[in-house]
Amino acid sequence: MIDIERLSEAELIALHNRIVDRLRELQQQRVQQGMTQVSPWRCGELHDERR
């Protein structure tokens, strides 16, 4: 566990930036996983000959 009370301003900023970067990575992974799961169904729907 990190004791944030002992961190300098620069260390807090660096930690904040790393947390934000990691959250973006995780969100991007979720988006990509969602696209992979939905993609085959949506492609079939887009090519429906009844339209």
PDB file of N, CA and C in Angstrom:
ATOM      1  N   MET A   1       0.848  -1.181   0.000  1.00  0.00           N
ATOM      2  CA  MET A   1       0.000   0.000   0.000  1.00  0.00           C
ATOM      3  C   MET A   1       0.892   1.242   0.000  1.00  0.00           C
ATOM      4  N   ILE A   2       0.489   2.232  -0.766  1.00  0.00           N
ATOM      5  CA  ILE A   2       1.260   3.470  -0.866  1.00  0.00           C
ATOM      6  C   ILE A   2       0.712   4.483   0.136  1.00  0.00           C
ATOM      7  N   ASP A   3       1.608   5.060   0.929  1.00  0.00           N
ATOM      8  CA  ASP A   3       1.221   6.118   1.862  1.00  0.00           C
ATOM      9  C   ASP A   3       1.321   7.444   1.118  1.00  0.00           C
ATOM     10  N   ILE A   4       0.199   7.924   0.595  1.00  0.00           N
ATOM     11  CA  ILE A   4       0.226   9.133  -0.235  1.00  0.00           C
ATOM     12  C   ILE A   4       0.586  10.379   0.559  1.00  0.00           C
ATOM     13  N   GLU A   5       0.463  10.329   1.865  1.00  0.00           N
ATOM     14  CA  GLU A   5       0.826  11.475   2.696  1.00  0.00           C
ATOM     15  C   GLU A   5       2.328  11.750   2.644  1.00  0.00           C
ATOM     16  N   ARG A   6       3.105  10.740   2.308  1.00  0.00           N
ATOM     17  CA  ARG A   6       4.564  10.887   2.275  1.00  0.00           C
ATOM     18  C   ARG A   6       5.090  11.258   0.891  1.00  0.00           C
ATOM     19  N   LEU A   7       4.233  11.278  -0.121  1.00  0.00           N
ATOM     20  CA  LEU A   7       4.684  11.563  -1.481  1.00  0.00           C
ATOM     21  C   LEU A   7       4.820  13.059  -1.722  1.00  0.00           C
ATOM     22  N   SER A   8       5.805  13.400  -2.527  1.00  0.00           N
ATOM     23  CA  SER A   8       5.976  14.803  -2.927  1.00  0.00           C
ATOM     24  C   SER A   8       4.928  15.148  -3.986  1.00  0.00           C
ATOM     25  N   GLU A   9       4.827  16.425  -4.298  1.00  0.00           N
ATOM     26  CA  GLU A   9       3.880  16.851  -5.328  1.00  0.00           C
ATOM     27  C   GLU A   9       4.191  16.172  -6.663  1.00  0.00           C
ATOM     28  N   ALA A  10       5.455  16.123  -7.021  1.00  0.00           N
ATOM     29  CA  ALA A  10       5.849  15.493  -8.286  1.00  0.00           C
ATOM     30  C   ALA A  10       5.499  14.005  -8.298  1.00  0.00           C
ATOM     31  N   GLU A  11       5.702  13.341  -7.172  1.00  0.00           N
ATOM     32  CA  GLU A  11       5.369  11.916  -7.085  1.00  0.00           C
ATOM     33  C   GLU A  11       3.863  11.694  -7.176  1.00  0.00           C
ATOM     34  N   LEU A  12       3.090  12.577  -6.545  1.00  0.00           N
ATOM     35  CA  LEU A  12       1.633  12.469  -6.629  1.00  0.00           C
ATOM     36  C   LEU A  12       1.144  12.666  -8.062  1.00  0.00           C
ATOM     37  N   ILE A  13       1.729  13.637  -8.745  1.00  0.00           N
ATOM     38  CA  ILE A  13       1.352  13.885 -10.141  1.00  0.00           C
ATOM     39  C   ILE A  13       1.708  12.675 -11.004  1.00  0.00           C
ATOM     40  N   ALA A  14       2.892  12.120 -10.798  1.00  0.00           N
ATOM     41  CA  ALA A  14       3.311  10.942 -11.567  1.00  0.00           C
ATOM     42  C   ALA A  14       2.385   9.759 -11.292  1.00  0.00           C
ATOM     43  N   LEU A  15       2.023   9.568 -10.035  1.00  0.00           N
ATOM     44  CA  LEU A  15       1.108   8.486  -9.670  1.00  0.00           C
ATOM     45  C   LEU A  15      -0.260   8.703 -10.310  1.00  0.00           C
ATOM     46  N   HIS A  16      -0.750   9.912 -10.245  1.00  0.00           N
ATOM     47  CA  HIS A  16      -2.034  10.255 -10.860  1.00  0.00           C
ATOM     48  C   HIS A  16      -2.007   9.947 -12.354  1.00  0.00           C
ATOM     49  N   ASN A  17      -0.943  10.385 -13.027  1.00  0.00           N
ATOM     50  CA  ASN A  17      -0.835  10.156 -14.468  1.00  0.00           C
ATOM     51  C   ASN A  17      -0.799   8.673 -14.802  1.00  0.00           C
ATOM     52  N   ARG A  18      -0.104   7.898 -13.992  1.00  0.00           N
ATOM     53  CA  ARG A  18      -0.034   6.449 -14.230  1.00  0.00           C
ATOM     54  C   ARG A  18      -1.396   5.803 -14.027  1.00  0.00           C
ATOM     55  N   ILE A  19      -2.130   6.244 -13.006  1.00  0.00           N
ATOM     56  CA  ILE A  19      -3.470   5.709 -12.757  1.00  0.00           C
ATOM     57  C   ILE A  19      -4.389   6.030 -13.933  1.00  0.00           C
ATOM     58  N   VAL A  20      -4.341   7.263 -14.414  1.00  0.00           N
ATOM     59  CA  VAL A  20      -5.169   7.662 -15.554  1.00  0.00           C
ATOM     60  C   VAL A  20      -4.813   6.832 -16.786  1.00  0.00           C
ATOM     61  N   ASP A  21      -3.523   6.652 -17.044  1.00  0.00           N
ATOM     62  CA  ASP A  21      -3.095   5.836 -18.186  1.00  0.00           C
ATOM     63  C   ASP A  21      -3.620   4.410 -18.073  1.00  0.00           C
ATOM     64  N   ARG A  22      -3.522   3.845 -16.880  1.00  0.00           N
ATOM     65  CA  ARG A  22      -3.975   2.459 -16.671  1.00  0.00           C
ATOM     66  C   ARG A  22      -5.481   2.344 -16.859  1.00  0.00           C
ATOM     67  N   LEU A  23      -6.226   3.313 -16.368  1.00  0.00           N
ATOM     68  CA  LEU A  23      -7.674   3.296 -16.559  1.00  0.00           C
ATOM     69  C   LEU A  23      -8.031   3.372 -18.039  1.00  0.00           C
ATOM     70  N   ARG A  24      -7.324   4.197 -18.785  1.00  0.00           N
ATOM     71  CA  ARG A  24      -7.558   4.283 -20.239  1.00  0.00           C
ATOM     72  C   ARG A  24      -7.262   2.950 -20.916  1.00  0.00           C
ATOM     73  N   GLU A  25      -6.173   2.290 -20.510  1.00  0.00           N
ATOM     74  CA  GLU A  25      -5.833   0.979 -21.070  1.00  0.00           C
ATOM     75  C   GLU A  25      -6.954  -0.022 -20.809  1.00  0.00           C
ATOM     76  N   LEU A  26      -7.449  -0.040 -19.581  1.00  0.00           N
ATOM     77  CA  LEU A  26      -8.512  -0.980 -19.228  1.00  0.00           C
ATOM     78  C   LEU A  26      -9.796  -0.683 -19.992  1.00  0.00           C
ATOM     79  N   GLN A  27     -10.127   0.599 -20.133  1.00  0.00           N
ATOM     80  CA  GLN A  27     -11.321   0.968 -20.891  1.00  0.00           C
ATOM     81  C   GLN A  27     -11.178   0.566 -22.351  1.00  0.00           C
ATOM     82  N   GLN A  28     -10.006   0.754 -22.926  1.00  0.00           N
ATOM     83  CA  GLN A  28      -9.774   0.374 -24.321  1.00  0.00           C
ATOM     84  C   GLN A  28      -9.908  -1.136 -24.494  1.00  0.00           C
ATOM     85  N   GLN A  29      -9.397  -1.899 -23.532  1.00  0.00           N
ATOM     86  CA  GLN A  29      -9.526  -3.356 -23.584  1.00  0.00           C
ATOM     87  C   GLN A  29     -10.992  -3.760 -23.554  1.00  0.00           C
ATOM     88  N   ARG A  30     -11.786  -3.113 -22.712  1.00  0.00           N
ATOM     89  CA  ARG A  30     -13.214  -3.434 -22.624  1.00  0.00           C
ATOM     90  C   ARG A  30     -13.924  -3.110 -23.926  1.00  0.00           C
ATOM     91  N   VAL A  31     -13.564  -1.989 -24.549  1.00  0.00           N
ATOM     92  CA  VAL A  31     -14.164  -1.615 -25.829  1.00  0.00           C
ATOM     93  C   VAL A  31     -13.808  -2.652 -26.885  1.00  0.00           C
ATOM     94  N   GLN A  32     -12.543  -3.047 -26.951  1.00  0.00           N
ATOM     95  CA  GLN A  32     -12.114  -4.026 -27.951  1.00  0.00           C
ATOM     96  C   GLN A  32     -12.782  -5.376 -27.723  1.00  0.00           C
ATOM     97  N   GLN A  33     -12.918  -5.792 -26.482  1.00  0.00           N
ATOM     98  CA  GLN A  33     -13.581  -7.059 -26.183  1.00  0.00           C
ATOM     99  C   GLN A  33     -15.049  -6.987 -26.572  1.00  0.00           C
ATOM    100  N   GLY A  34     -15.668  -5.867 -26.313  1.00  0.00           N
ATOM    101  CA  GLY A  34     -17.067  -5.687 -26.679  1.00  0.00           C
ATOM    102  C   GLY A  34     -17.254  -5.714 -28.178  1.00  0.00           C
ATOM    103  N   MET A  35     -16.343  -5.095 -28.929  1.00  0.00           N
ATOM    104  CA  MET A  35     -16.435  -5.091 -30.386  1.00  0.00           C
ATOM    105  C   MET A  35     -16.246  -6.499 -30.932  1.00  0.00           C
ATOM    106  N   THR A  36     -15.355  -7.259 -30.339  1.00  0.00           N
ATOM    107  CA  THR A  36     -15.105  -8.626 -30.784  1.00  0.00           C
ATOM    108  C   THR A  36     -16.334  -9.494 -30.552  1.00  0.00           C
ATOM    109  N   GLN A  37     -16.994  -9.309 -29.425  1.00  0.00           N
ATOM    110  CA  GLN A  37     -18.161 -10.119 -29.108  1.00  0.00           C
ATOM    111  C   GLN A  37     -19.358  -9.739 -29.968  1.00  0.00           C
ATOM    112  N   VAL A  38     -19.493  -8.482 -30.305  1.00  0.00           N
ATOM    113  CA  VAL A  38     -20.665  -8.002 -31.032  1.00  0.00           C
ATOM    114  C   VAL A  38     -20.438  -8.046 -32.535  1.00  0.00           C
ATOM    115  N   SER A  39     -19.213  -7.931 -32.969  1.00  0.00           N
ATOM    116  CA  SER A  39     -18.895  -7.756 -34.381  1.00  0.00           C
ATOM    117  C   SER A  39     -19.515  -8.801 -35.315  1.00  0.00           C
ATOM    118  N   PRO A  40     -19.394 -10.101 -35.078  1.00  0.00           N
ATOM    119  CA  PRO A  40     -19.969 -11.067 -36.024  1.00  0.00           C
ATOM    120  C   PRO A  40     -21.483 -10.905 -36.172  1.00  0.00           C
ATOM    121  N   TRP A  41     -22.171 -10.644 -35.091  1.00  0.00           N
ATOM    122  CA  TRP A  41     -23.621 -10.459 -35.143  1.00  0.00           C
ATOM    123  C   TRP A  41     -23.971  -9.223 -35.946  1.00  0.00           C
ATOM    124  N   ARG A  42     -23.272  -8.139 -35.706  1.00  0.00           N
ATOM    125  CA  ARG A  42     -23.564  -6.886 -36.400  1.00  0.00           C
ATOM    126  C   ARG A  42     -23.240  -6.993 -37.881  1.00  0.00           C
ATOM    127  N   CYS A  43     -22.167  -7.679 -38.233  1.00  0.00           N
ATOM    128  CA  CYS A  43     -21.823  -7.825 -39.651  1.00  0.00           C
ATOM    129  C   CYS A  43     -22.926  -8.587 -40.375  1.00  0.00           C
ATOM    130  N   GLY A  44     -23.433  -9.641 -39.755  1.00  0.00           N
ATOM    131  CA  GLY A  44     -24.526 -10.394 -40.365  1.00  0.00           C
ATOM    132  C   GLY A  44     -25.768  -9.547 -40.520  1.00  0.00           C
ATOM    133  N   GLU A  45     -26.028  -8.726 -39.543  1.00  0.00           N
ATOM    134  CA  GLU A  45     -27.201  -7.864 -39.600  1.00  0.00           C
ATOM    135  C   GLU A  45     -27.059  -6.848 -40.732  1.00  0.00           C
ATOM    136  N   LEU A  46     -25.868  -6.324 -40.925  1.00  0.00           N
ATOM    137  CA  LEU A  46     -25.655  -5.316 -41.958  1.00  0.00           C
ATOM    138  C   LEU A  46     -25.798  -5.901 -43.360  1.00  0.00           C
ATOM    139  N   HIS A  47     -25.550  -7.188 -43.513  1.00  0.00           N
ATOM    140  CA  HIS A  47     -25.607  -7.824 -44.824  1.00  0.00           C
ATOM    141  C   HIS A  47     -26.894  -8.624 -45.015  1.00  0.00           C
ATOM    142  N   ASP A  48     -27.914  -8.282 -44.309  1.00  0.00           N
ATOM    143  CA  ASP A  48     -29.193  -8.970 -44.428  1.00  0.00           C
ATOM    144  C   ASP A  48     -29.792  -8.670 -45.808  1.00  0.00           C
ATOM    145  N   GLU A  49     -30.027  -9.703 -46.622  1.00  0.00           N
ATOM    146  CA  GLU A  49     -30.505  -9.523 -47.993  1.00  0.00           C
ATOM    147  C   GLU A  49     -31.964  -9.079 -48.053  1.00  0.00           C
ATOM    148  N   ARG A  50     -32.689  -9.173 -46.973  1.00  0.00           N
ATOM    149  CA  ARG A  50     -34.101  -8.784 -46.987  1.00  0.00           C
ATOM    150  C   ARG A  50     -34.279  -7.282 -47.060  1.00  0.00           C
ATOM    151  N   ARG A  51     -33.236  -6.538 -46.884  1.00  0.00           N
ATOM    152  CA  ARG A  51     -33.359  -5.073 -46.889  1.00  0.00           C
ATOM    153  C   ARG A  51     -33.331  -4.523 -48.281  1.00  0.00           C
TER     154      ARG A  51
END
